[in-house]
């Protein structure tokens, strides 16, 4: 028998967005409610390329979210200098 475990969460379940530097692995965390911009550098001063050249404009936010998610999963995004992680509460 095969056992598979999955975690399903809503966008409201996201507790923090975490930006991790590719060079030094330092992290910056912020609440999604307070998030208004992507940091331009890590806490240790390593520069992050924010504009990857991909722009998606849509009046329908779910489409814009899905397009952004797809773009962030693109290997070209790895050139930005950071990774994005989502933090959730531990499901007990």
PDB file of N, CA and C in Angstrom:
ATOM      1  N   UNK A   1       0.828  -1.161   0.000  1.00  0.00           N
ATOM      2  CA  UNK A   1       0.000   0.000   0.000  1.00  0.00           C
ATOM      3  C   UNK A   1       0.889   1.247   0.000  1.00  0.00           C
ATOM      4  N   UNK A   2       0.509   2.219  -0.811  1.00  0.00           N
ATOM      5  CA  UNK A   2       1.246   3.468  -0.886  1.00  0.00           C
ATOM      6  C   UNK A   2       0.572   4.509   0.009  1.00  0.00           C
ATOM      7  N   UNK A   3       1.374   5.236   0.777  1.00  0.00           N
ATOM      8  CA  UNK A   3       0.852   6.269   1.649  1.00  0.00           C
ATOM      9  C   UNK A   3       1.382   7.614   1.157  1.00  0.00           C
ATOM     10  N   UNK A   4       0.498   8.575   1.028  1.00  0.00           N
ATOM     11  CA  UNK A   4       0.878   9.891   0.548  1.00  0.00           C
ATOM     12  C   UNK A   4       0.308  10.937   1.488  1.00  0.00           C
ATOM     13  N   UNK A   5       1.135  11.900   1.863  1.00  0.00           N
ATOM     14  CA  UNK A   5       0.676  12.982   2.750  1.00  0.00           C
ATOM     15  C   UNK A   5       0.738  14.293   1.998  1.00  0.00           C
ATOM     16  N   UNK A   6      -0.324  15.067   2.083  1.00  0.00           N
ATOM     17  CA  UNK A   6      -0.385  16.366   1.423  1.00  0.00           C
ATOM     18  C   UNK A   6      -0.874  17.405   2.414  1.00  0.00           C
ATOM     19  N   UNK A   7      -0.464  18.615   2.184  1.00  0.00           N
ATOM     20  CA  UNK A   7      -0.930  19.736   2.989  1.00  0.00           C
ATOM     21  C   UNK A   7      -1.672  20.682   2.055  1.00  0.00           C
ATOM     22  N   UNK A   8      -2.878  21.019   2.414  1.00  0.00           N
ATOM     23  CA  UNK A   8      -3.682  21.953   1.636  1.00  0.00           C
ATOM     24  C   UNK A   8      -3.935  23.166   2.519  1.00  0.00           C
ATOM     25  N   UNK A   9      -3.659  24.345   1.993  1.00  0.00           N
ATOM     26  CA  UNK A   9      -3.827  25.566   2.772  1.00  0.00           C
ATOM     27  C   UNK A   9      -4.422  26.656   1.885  1.00  0.00           C
ATOM     28  N   UNK A  10      -5.134  27.555   2.510  1.00  0.00           N
ATOM     29  CA  UNK A  10      -5.675  28.697   1.769  1.00  0.00           C
ATOM     30  C   UNK A  10      -4.674  29.846   1.835  1.00  0.00           C
ATOM     31  N   UNK A  11      -4.873  30.860   1.033  1.00  0.00           N
ATOM     32  CA  UNK A  11      -3.983  32.017   1.059  1.00  0.00           C
ATOM     33  C   UNK A  11      -4.048  32.725   2.411  1.00  0.00           C
ATOM     34  N   UNK A  12      -5.189  32.651   3.092  1.00  0.00           N
ATOM     35  CA  UNK A  12      -5.323  33.266   4.416  1.00  0.00           C
ATOM     36  C   UNK A  12      -4.499  32.524   5.466  1.00  0.00           C
ATOM     37  N   UNK A  13      -4.099  31.285   5.183  1.00  0.00           N
ATOM     38  CA  UNK A  13      -3.293  30.503   6.118  1.00  0.00           C
ATOM     39  C   UNK A  13      -1.814  30.877   6.091  1.00  0.00           C
ATOM     40  N   UNK A  14      -1.397  31.675   5.126  1.00  0.00           N
ATOM     41  CA  UNK A  14       0.015  32.073   5.042  1.00  0.00           C
ATOM     42  C   UNK A  14       0.316  33.033   6.186  1.00  0.00           C
ATOM     43  N   UNK A  15       1.254  32.659   7.038  1.00  0.00           N
ATOM     44  CA  UNK A  15       1.636  33.484   8.187  1.00  0.00           C
ATOM     45  C   UNK A  15       2.764  34.452   7.844  1.00  0.00           C
ATOM     46  N   UNK A  16       3.651  34.054   6.937  1.00  0.00           N
ATOM     47  CA  UNK A  16       4.771  34.922   6.581  1.00  0.00           C
ATOM     48  C   UNK A  16       5.292  34.576   5.198  1.00  0.00           C
ATOM     49  N   UNK A  17       5.831  35.588   4.519  1.00  0.00           N
ATOM     50  CA  UNK A  17       6.605  35.411   3.293  1.00  0.00           C
ATOM     51  C   UNK A  17       8.062  35.513   3.718  1.00  0.00           C
ATOM     52  N   UNK A  18       8.861  34.554   3.289  1.00  0.00           N
ATOM     53  CA  UNK A  18      10.268  34.533   3.678  1.00  0.00           C
ATOM     54  C   UNK A  18      11.111  34.640   2.424  1.00  0.00           C
ATOM     55  N   UNK A  19      12.015  35.606   2.416  1.00  0.00           N
ATOM     56  CA  UNK A  19      12.949  35.796   1.311  1.00  0.00           C
ATOM     57  C   UNK A  19      14.316  35.326   1.783  1.00  0.00           C
ATOM     58  N   UNK A  20      14.887  34.338   1.074  1.00  0.00           N
ATOM     59  CA  UNK A  20      16.187  33.787   1.471  1.00  0.00           C
ATOM     60  C   UNK A  20      17.227  34.109   0.408  1.00  0.00           C
ATOM     61  N   UNK A  21      18.347  34.672   0.840  1.00  0.00           N
ATOM     62  CA  UNK A  21      19.440  35.029  -0.059  1.00  0.00           C
ATOM     63  C   UNK A  21      20.107  33.768  -0.609  1.00  0.00           C
ATOM     64  N   UNK A  22      20.339  33.740  -1.907  1.00  0.00           N
ATOM     65  CA  UNK A  22      21.023  32.599  -2.526  1.00  0.00           C
ATOM     66  C   UNK A  22      22.496  32.533  -2.138  1.00  0.00           C
ATOM     67  N   UNK A  23      23.117  33.686  -1.808  1.00  0.00           N
ATOM     68  CA  UNK A  23      24.542  33.700  -1.499  1.00  0.00           C
ATOM     69  C   UNK A  23      24.838  33.310  -0.052  1.00  0.00           C
ATOM     70  N   UNK A  24      24.194  33.988   0.892  1.00  0.00           N
ATOM     71  CA  UNK A  24      24.552  33.761   2.303  1.00  0.00           C
ATOM     72  C   UNK A  24      23.485  33.003   3.089  1.00  0.00           C
ATOM     73  N   UNK A  25      22.351  32.731   2.454  1.00  0.00           N
ATOM     74  CA  UNK A  25      21.235  31.986   3.064  1.00  0.00           C
ATOM     75  C   UNK A  25      20.536  32.743   4.200  1.00  0.00           C
ATOM     76  N   UNK A  26      20.840  34.045   4.378  1.00  0.00           N
ATOM     77  CA  UNK A  26      20.109  34.813   5.394  1.00  0.00           C
ATOM     78  C   UNK A  26      18.676  35.006   4.927  1.00  0.00           C
ATOM     79  N   UNK A  27      17.783  35.222   5.898  1.00  0.00           N
ATOM     80  CA  UNK A  27      16.362  35.309   5.579  1.00  0.00           C
ATOM     81  C   UNK A  27      15.750  36.593   6.123  1.00  0.00           C
ATOM     82  N   UNK A  28      14.769  37.078   5.383  1.00  0.00           N
ATOM     83  CA  UNK A  28      13.945  38.200   5.804  1.00  0.00           C
ATOM     84  C   UNK A  28      12.510  37.724   5.739  1.00  0.00           C
ATOM     85  N   UNK A  29      11.770  37.881   6.848  1.00  0.00           N
ATOM     86  CA  UNK A  29      10.375  37.434   6.898  1.00  0.00           C
ATOM     87  C   UNK A  29       9.464  38.623   7.139  1.00  0.00           C
ATOM     88  N   UNK A  30       8.288  38.582   6.502  1.00  0.00           N
ATOM     89  CA  UNK A  30       7.291  39.616   6.732  1.00  0.00           C
ATOM     90  C   UNK A  30       5.896  39.043   6.592  1.00  0.00           C
ATOM     91  N   UNK A  31       4.974  39.641   7.295  1.00  0.00           N
ATOM     92  CA  UNK A  31       3.581  39.223   7.239  1.00  0.00           C
ATOM     93  C   UNK A  31       2.986  39.581   5.881  1.00  0.00           C
ATOM     94  N   UNK A  32       2.152  38.711   5.296  1.00  0.00           N
ATOM     95  CA  UNK A  32       1.517  39.053   4.024  1.00  0.00           C
ATOM     96  C   UNK A  32       0.652  40.311   4.130  1.00  0.00           C
ATOM     97  N   UNK A  33       0.126  40.598   5.305  1.00  0.00           N
ATOM     98  CA  UNK A  33      -0.701  41.795   5.486  1.00  0.00           C
ATOM     99  C   UNK A  33       0.127  43.073   5.451  1.00  0.00           C
ATOM    100  N   UNK A  34       1.405  42.969   5.813  1.00  0.00           N
ATOM    101  CA  UNK A  34       2.290  44.128   5.834  1.00  0.00           C
ATOM    102  C   UNK A  34       3.166  44.228   4.592  1.00  0.00           C
ATOM    103  N   UNK A  35       3.148  43.214   3.765  1.00  0.00           N
ATOM    104  CA  UNK A  35       4.043  43.144   2.618  1.00  0.00           C
ATOM    105  C   UNK A  35       3.598  44.082   1.510  1.00  0.00           C
ATOM    106  N   UNK A  36       4.469  44.993   1.121  1.00  0.00           N
ATOM    107  CA  UNK A  36       4.163  45.911   0.026  1.00  0.00           C
ATOM    108  C   UNK A  36       5.252  45.924  -1.038  1.00  0.00           C
ATOM    109  N   UNK A  37       6.402  45.311  -0.764  1.00  0.00           N
ATOM    110  CA  UNK A  37       7.507  45.324  -1.716  1.00  0.00           C
ATOM    111  C   UNK A  37       8.432  44.142  -1.464  1.00  0.00           C
ATOM    112  N   UNK A  38       9.224  43.795  -2.460  1.00  0.00           N
ATOM    113  CA  UNK A  38      10.263  42.779  -2.312  1.00  0.00           C
ATOM    114  C   UNK A  38      11.541  43.517  -1.898  1.00  0.00           C
ATOM    115  N   UNK A  39      12.212  43.069  -0.845  1.00  0.00           N
ATOM    116  CA  UNK A  39      13.447  43.741  -0.434  1.00  0.00           C
ATOM    117  C   UNK A  39      14.465  43.765  -1.577  1.00  0.00           C
ATOM    118  N   UNK A  40      15.227  44.839  -1.673  1.00  0.00           N
ATOM    119  CA  UNK A  40      16.210  44.984  -2.749  1.00  0.00           C
ATOM    120  C   UNK A  40      17.532  44.299  -2.441  1.00  0.00           C
ATOM    121  N   UNK A  41      17.700  43.898  -1.168  1.00  0.00           N
ATOM    122  CA  UNK A  41      18.914  43.185  -0.773  1.00  0.00           C
ATOM    123  C   UNK A  41      18.641  42.388   0.485  1.00  0.00           C
ATOM    124  N   UNK A  42      19.531  41.447   0.772  1.00  0.00           N
ATOM    125  CA  UNK A  42      19.392  40.635   1.979  1.00  0.00           C
ATOM    126  C   UNK A  42      19.905  41.432   3.172  1.00  0.00           C
ATOM    127  N   UNK A  43      19.695  40.939   4.400  1.00  0.00           N
ATOM    128  CA  UNK A  43      20.190  41.660   5.579  1.00  0.00           C
ATOM    129  C   UNK A  43      21.709  41.864   5.577  1.00  0.00           C
ATOM    130  N   UNK A  44      22.440  41.037   4.830  1.00  0.00           N
ATOM    131  CA  UNK A  44      23.901  41.179   4.750  1.00  0.00           C
ATOM    132  C   UNK A  44      24.358  42.016   3.573  1.00  0.00           C
ATOM    133  N   UNK A  45      23.414  42.607   2.822  1.00  0.00           N
ATOM    134  CA  UNK A  45      23.766  43.539   1.755  1.00  0.00           C
ATOM    135  C   UNK A  45      23.920  42.955   0.357  1.00  0.00           C
ATOM    136  N   UNK A  46      23.640  41.669   0.157  1.00  0.00           N
ATOM    137  CA  UNK A  46      23.731  41.102  -1.189  1.00  0.00           C
ATOM    138  C   UNK A  46      22.566  41.608  -2.034  1.00  0.00           C
ATOM    139  N   UNK A  47      22.874  42.138  -3.205  1.00  0.00           N
ATOM    140  CA  UNK A  47      21.872  42.738  -4.091  1.00  0.00           C
ATOM    141  C   UNK A  47      20.966  41.677  -4.697  1.00  0.00           C
ATOM    142  N   UNK A  48      19.664  41.984  -4.743  1.00  0.00           N
ATOM    143  CA  UNK A  48      18.688  41.102  -5.383  1.00  0.00           C
ATOM    144  C   UNK A  48      18.102  41.801  -6.594  1.00  0.00           C
ATOM    145  N   UNK A  49      18.046  41.095  -7.727  1.00  0.00           N
ATOM    146  CA  UNK A  49      17.463  41.635  -8.957  1.00  0.00           C
ATOM    147  C   UNK A  49      15.955  41.437  -8.883  1.00  0.00           C
ATOM    148  N   UNK A  50      15.226  42.495  -8.655  1.00  0.00           N
ATOM    149  CA  UNK A  50      13.785  42.408  -8.470  1.00  0.00           C
ATOM    150  C   UNK A  50      13.057  42.260  -9.789  1.00  0.00           C
ATOM    151  N   UNK A  51      13.452  42.996 -10.802  1.00  0.00           N
ATOM    152  CA  UNK A  51      12.753  42.967 -12.083  1.00  0.00           C
ATOM    153  C   UNK A  51      13.360  41.897 -12.978  1.00  0.00           C
ATOM    154  N   UNK A  52      12.605  40.820 -13.210  1.00  0.00           N
ATOM    155  CA  UNK A  52      13.083  39.750 -14.091  1.00  0.00           C
ATOM    156  C   UNK A  52      12.586  39.945 -15.516  1.00  0.00           C
ATOM    157  N   UNK A  53      11.909  41.062 -15.787  1.00  0.00           N
ATOM    158  CA  UNK A  53      11.446  41.356 -17.139  1.00  0.00           C
ATOM    159  C   UNK A  53      10.084  40.781 -17.460  1.00  0.00           C
ATOM    160  N   UNK A  54       9.495  40.029 -16.551  1.00  0.00           N
ATOM    161  CA  UNK A  54       8.191  39.431 -16.818  1.00  0.00           C
ATOM    162  C   UNK A  54       7.110  40.269 -16.154  1.00  0.00           C
ATOM    163  N   UNK A  55       6.228  40.793 -16.950  1.00  0.00           N
ATOM    164  CA  UNK A  55       5.145  41.622 -16.437  1.00  0.00           C
ATOM    165  C   UNK A  55       3.826  41.008 -16.872  1.00  0.00           C
ATOM    166  N   UNK A  56       2.893  40.920 -15.954  1.00  0.00           N
ATOM    167  CA  UNK A  56       1.575  40.380 -16.263  1.00  0.00           C
ATOM    168  C   UNK A  56       0.539  41.371 -15.777  1.00  0.00           C
ATOM    169  N   UNK A  57      -0.289  41.838 -16.677  1.00  0.00           N
ATOM    170  CA  UNK A  57      -1.337  42.774 -16.298  1.00  0.00           C
ATOM    171  C   UNK A  57      -2.683  42.128 -16.540  1.00  0.00           C
ATOM    172  N   UNK A  58      -3.509  42.160 -15.524  1.00  0.00           N
ATOM    173  CA  UNK A  58      -4.838  41.594 -15.645  1.00  0.00           C
ATOM    174  C   UNK A  58      -5.740  42.274 -14.638  1.00  0.00           C
ATOM    175  N   UNK A  59      -6.982  42.478 -15.006  1.00  0.00           N
ATOM    176  CA  UNK A  59      -7.933  43.030 -14.077  1.00  0.00           C
ATOM    177  C   UNK A  59      -8.487  41.961 -13.153  1.00  0.00           C
ATOM    178  N   UNK A  60      -8.174  40.705 -13.408  1.00  0.00           N
ATOM    179  CA  UNK A  60      -8.700  39.594 -12.636  1.00  0.00           C
ATOM    180  C   UNK A  60      -7.584  39.059 -11.745  1.00  0.00           C
ATOM    181  N   UNK A  61      -7.627  39.338 -10.459  1.00  0.00           N
ATOM    182  CA  UNK A  61      -6.514  39.020  -9.562  1.00  0.00           C
ATOM    183  C   UNK A  61      -6.159  37.546  -9.498  1.00  0.00           C
ATOM    184  N   UNK A  62      -7.098  36.598  -9.488  1.00  0.00           N
ATOM    185  CA  UNK A  62      -6.665  35.192  -9.481  1.00  0.00           C
ATOM    186  C   UNK A  62      -5.806  34.830 -10.700  1.00  0.00           C
ATOM    187  N   UNK A  63      -6.115  35.376 -11.864  1.00  0.00           N
ATOM    188  CA  UNK A  63      -5.285  35.112 -13.045  1.00  0.00           C
ATOM    189  C   UNK A  63      -3.895  35.718 -12.861  1.00  0.00           C
ATOM    190  N   UNK A  64      -3.832  36.926 -12.324  1.00  0.00           N
ATOM    191  CA  UNK A  64      -2.540  37.572 -12.089  1.00  0.00           C
ATOM    192  C   UNK A  64      -1.721  36.772 -11.078  1.00  0.00           C
ATOM    193  N   UNK A  65      -2.374  36.269 -10.028  1.00  0.00           N
ATOM    194  CA  UNK A  65      -1.682  35.451  -9.031  1.00  0.00           C
ATOM    195  C   UNK A  65      -1.116  34.184  -9.660  1.00  0.00           C
ATOM    196  N   UNK A  66      -1.930  33.489 -10.454  1.00  0.00           N
ATOM    197  CA  UNK A  66      -1.467  32.249 -11.084  1.00  0.00           C
ATOM    198  C   UNK A  66      -0.332  32.517 -12.062  1.00  0.00           C
ATOM    199  N   UNK A  67      -0.427  33.598 -12.821  1.00  0.00           N
ATOM    200  CA  UNK A  67       0.648  33.945 -13.751  1.00  0.00           C
ATOM    201  C   UNK A  67       1.928  34.283 -12.992  1.00  0.00           C
ATOM    202  N   UNK A  68       1.794  35.008 -11.887  1.00  0.00           N
ATOM    203  CA  UNK A  68       2.967  35.344 -11.076  1.00  0.00           C
ATOM    204  C   UNK A  68       3.594  34.090 -10.484  1.00  0.00           C
ATOM    205  N   UNK A  69       2.765  33.193  -9.986  1.00  0.00           N
ATOM    206  CA  UNK A  69       3.270  31.942  -9.434  1.00  0.00           C
ATOM    207  C   UNK A  69       4.008  31.137 -10.505  1.00  0.00           C
ATOM    208  N   UNK A  70       3.436  31.064 -11.685  1.00  0.00           N
ATOM    209  CA  UNK A  70       4.078  30.341 -12.789  1.00  0.00           C
ATOM    210  C   UNK A  70       5.416  30.998 -13.133  1.00  0.00           C
ATOM    211  N   UNK A  71       5.446  32.324 -13.194  1.00  0.00           N
ATOM    212  CA  UNK A  71       6.681  33.032 -13.521  1.00  0.00           C
ATOM    213  C   UNK A  71       7.751  32.814 -12.451  1.00  0.00           C
ATOM    214  N   UNK A  72       7.345  32.786 -11.178  1.00  0.00           N
ATOM    215  CA  UNK A  72       8.310  32.583 -10.106  1.00  0.00           C
ATOM    216  C   UNK A  72       8.871  31.163 -10.085  1.00  0.00           C
ATOM    217  N   UNK A  73       8.156  30.221 -10.683  1.00  0.00           N
ATOM    218  CA  UNK A  73       8.648  28.840 -10.771  1.00  0.00           C
ATOM    219  C   UNK A  73       9.559  28.633 -11.982  1.00  0.00           C
ATOM    220  N   UNK A  74       9.637  29.620 -12.852  1.00  0.00           N
ATOM    221  CA  UNK A  74      10.475  29.562 -14.046  1.00  0.00           C
ATOM    222  C   UNK A  74      11.952  29.550 -13.629  1.00  0.00           C
ATOM    223  N   UNK A  75      12.786  28.697 -14.230  1.00  0.00           N
ATOM    224  CA  UNK A  75      14.215  28.664 -13.873  1.00  0.00           C
ATOM    225  C   UNK A  75      14.917  30.019 -14.020  1.00  0.00           C
ATOM    226  N   UNK A  76      14.427  30.893 -14.890  1.00  0.00           N
ATOM    227  CA  UNK A  76      15.044  32.211 -15.054  1.00  0.00           C
ATOM    228  C   UNK A  76      14.942  33.031 -13.771  1.00  0.00           C
ATOM    229  N   UNK A  77      13.946  32.757 -12.945  1.00  0.00           N
ATOM    230  CA  UNK A  77      13.759  33.464 -11.682  1.00  0.00           C
ATOM    231  C   UNK A  77      14.931  33.222 -10.731  1.00  0.00           C
ATOM    232  N   UNK A  78      15.613  32.097 -10.860  1.00  0.00           N
ATOM    233  CA  UNK A  78      16.736  31.786  -9.981  1.00  0.00           C
ATOM    234  C   UNK A  78      17.861  32.811 -10.093  1.00  0.00           C
ATOM    235  N   UNK A  79      17.865  33.608 -11.149  1.00  0.00           N
ATOM    236  CA  UNK A  79      18.886  34.641 -11.327  1.00  0.00           C
ATOM    237  C   UNK A  79      18.623  35.863 -10.447  1.00  0.00           C
ATOM    238  N   UNK A  80      17.494  35.899  -9.768  1.00  0.00           N
ATOM    239  CA  UNK A  80      17.120  37.056  -8.960  1.00  0.00           C
ATOM    240  C   UNK A  80      17.985  37.216  -7.713  1.00  0.00           C
ATOM    241  N   UNK A  81      18.591  36.146  -7.226  1.00  0.00           N
ATOM    242  CA  UNK A  81      19.440  36.214  -6.046  1.00  0.00           C
ATOM    243  C   UNK A  81      18.755  35.794  -4.760  1.00  0.00           C
ATOM    244  N   UNK A  82      17.472  35.456  -4.837  1.00  0.00           N
ATOM    245  CA  UNK A  82      16.754  35.039  -3.633  1.00  0.00           C
ATOM    246  C   UNK A  82      15.688  34.016  -3.976  1.00  0.00           C
ATOM    247  N   UNK A  83      15.213  33.327  -2.930  1.00  0.00           N
ATOM    248  CA  UNK A  83      14.108  32.380  -3.056  1.00  0.00           C
ATOM    249  C   UNK A  83      12.992  32.862  -2.147  1.00  0.00           C
ATOM    250  N   UNK A  84      11.765  32.512  -2.489  1.00  0.00           N
ATOM    251  CA  UNK A  84      10.626  32.866  -1.656  1.00  0.00           C
ATOM    252  C   UNK A  84      10.054  31.594  -1.038  1.00  0.00           C
ATOM    253  N   UNK A  85       9.832  31.639   0.275  1.00  0.00           N
ATOM    254  CA  UNK A  85       9.199  30.547   1.001  1.00  0.00           C
ATOM    255  C   UNK A  85       7.921  31.081   1.642  1.00  0.00           C
ATOM    256  N   UNK A  86       6.961  30.214   1.845  1.00  0.00           N
ATOM    257  CA  UNK A  86       5.731  30.555   2.538  1.00  0.00           C
ATOM    258  C   UNK A  86       5.723  29.837   3.881  1.00  0.00           C
ATOM    259  N   UNK A  87       5.389  30.558   4.926  1.00  0.00           N
ATOM    260  CA  UNK A  87       5.334  29.960   6.268  1.00  0.00           C
ATOM    261  C   UNK A  87       3.883  29.766   6.682  1.00  0.00           C
ATOM    262  N   UNK A  88       3.587  28.570   7.220  1.00  0.00           N
ATOM    263  CA  UNK A  88       2.260  28.231   7.702  1.00  0.00           C
ATOM    264  C   UNK A  88       2.377  27.767   9.143  1.00  0.00           C
ATOM    265  N   UNK A  89       1.279  27.835   9.886  1.00  0.00           N
ATOM    266  CA  UNK A  89       1.241  27.253  11.220  1.00  0.00           C
ATOM    267  C   UNK A  89       1.370  25.742  11.088  1.00  0.00           C
ATOM    268  N   UNK A  90       1.963  25.110  12.082  1.00  0.00           N
ATOM    269  CA  UNK A  90       2.080  23.664  12.087  1.00  0.00           C
ATOM    270  C   UNK A  90       0.704  23.053  12.332  1.00  0.00           C
ATOM    271  N   UNK A  91       0.258  22.211  11.401  1.00  0.00           N
ATOM    272  CA  UNK A  91      -1.040  21.536  11.551  1.00  0.00           C
ATOM    273  C   UNK A  91      -0.880  20.384  12.526  1.00  0.00           C
ATOM    274  N   UNK A  92      -1.549  20.482  13.644  1.00  0.00           N
ATOM    275  CA  UNK A  92      -1.381  19.448  14.679  1.00  0.00           C
ATOM    276  C   UNK A  92      -2.507  18.477  14.699  1.00  0.00           C
TER     277      UNK A  92
END
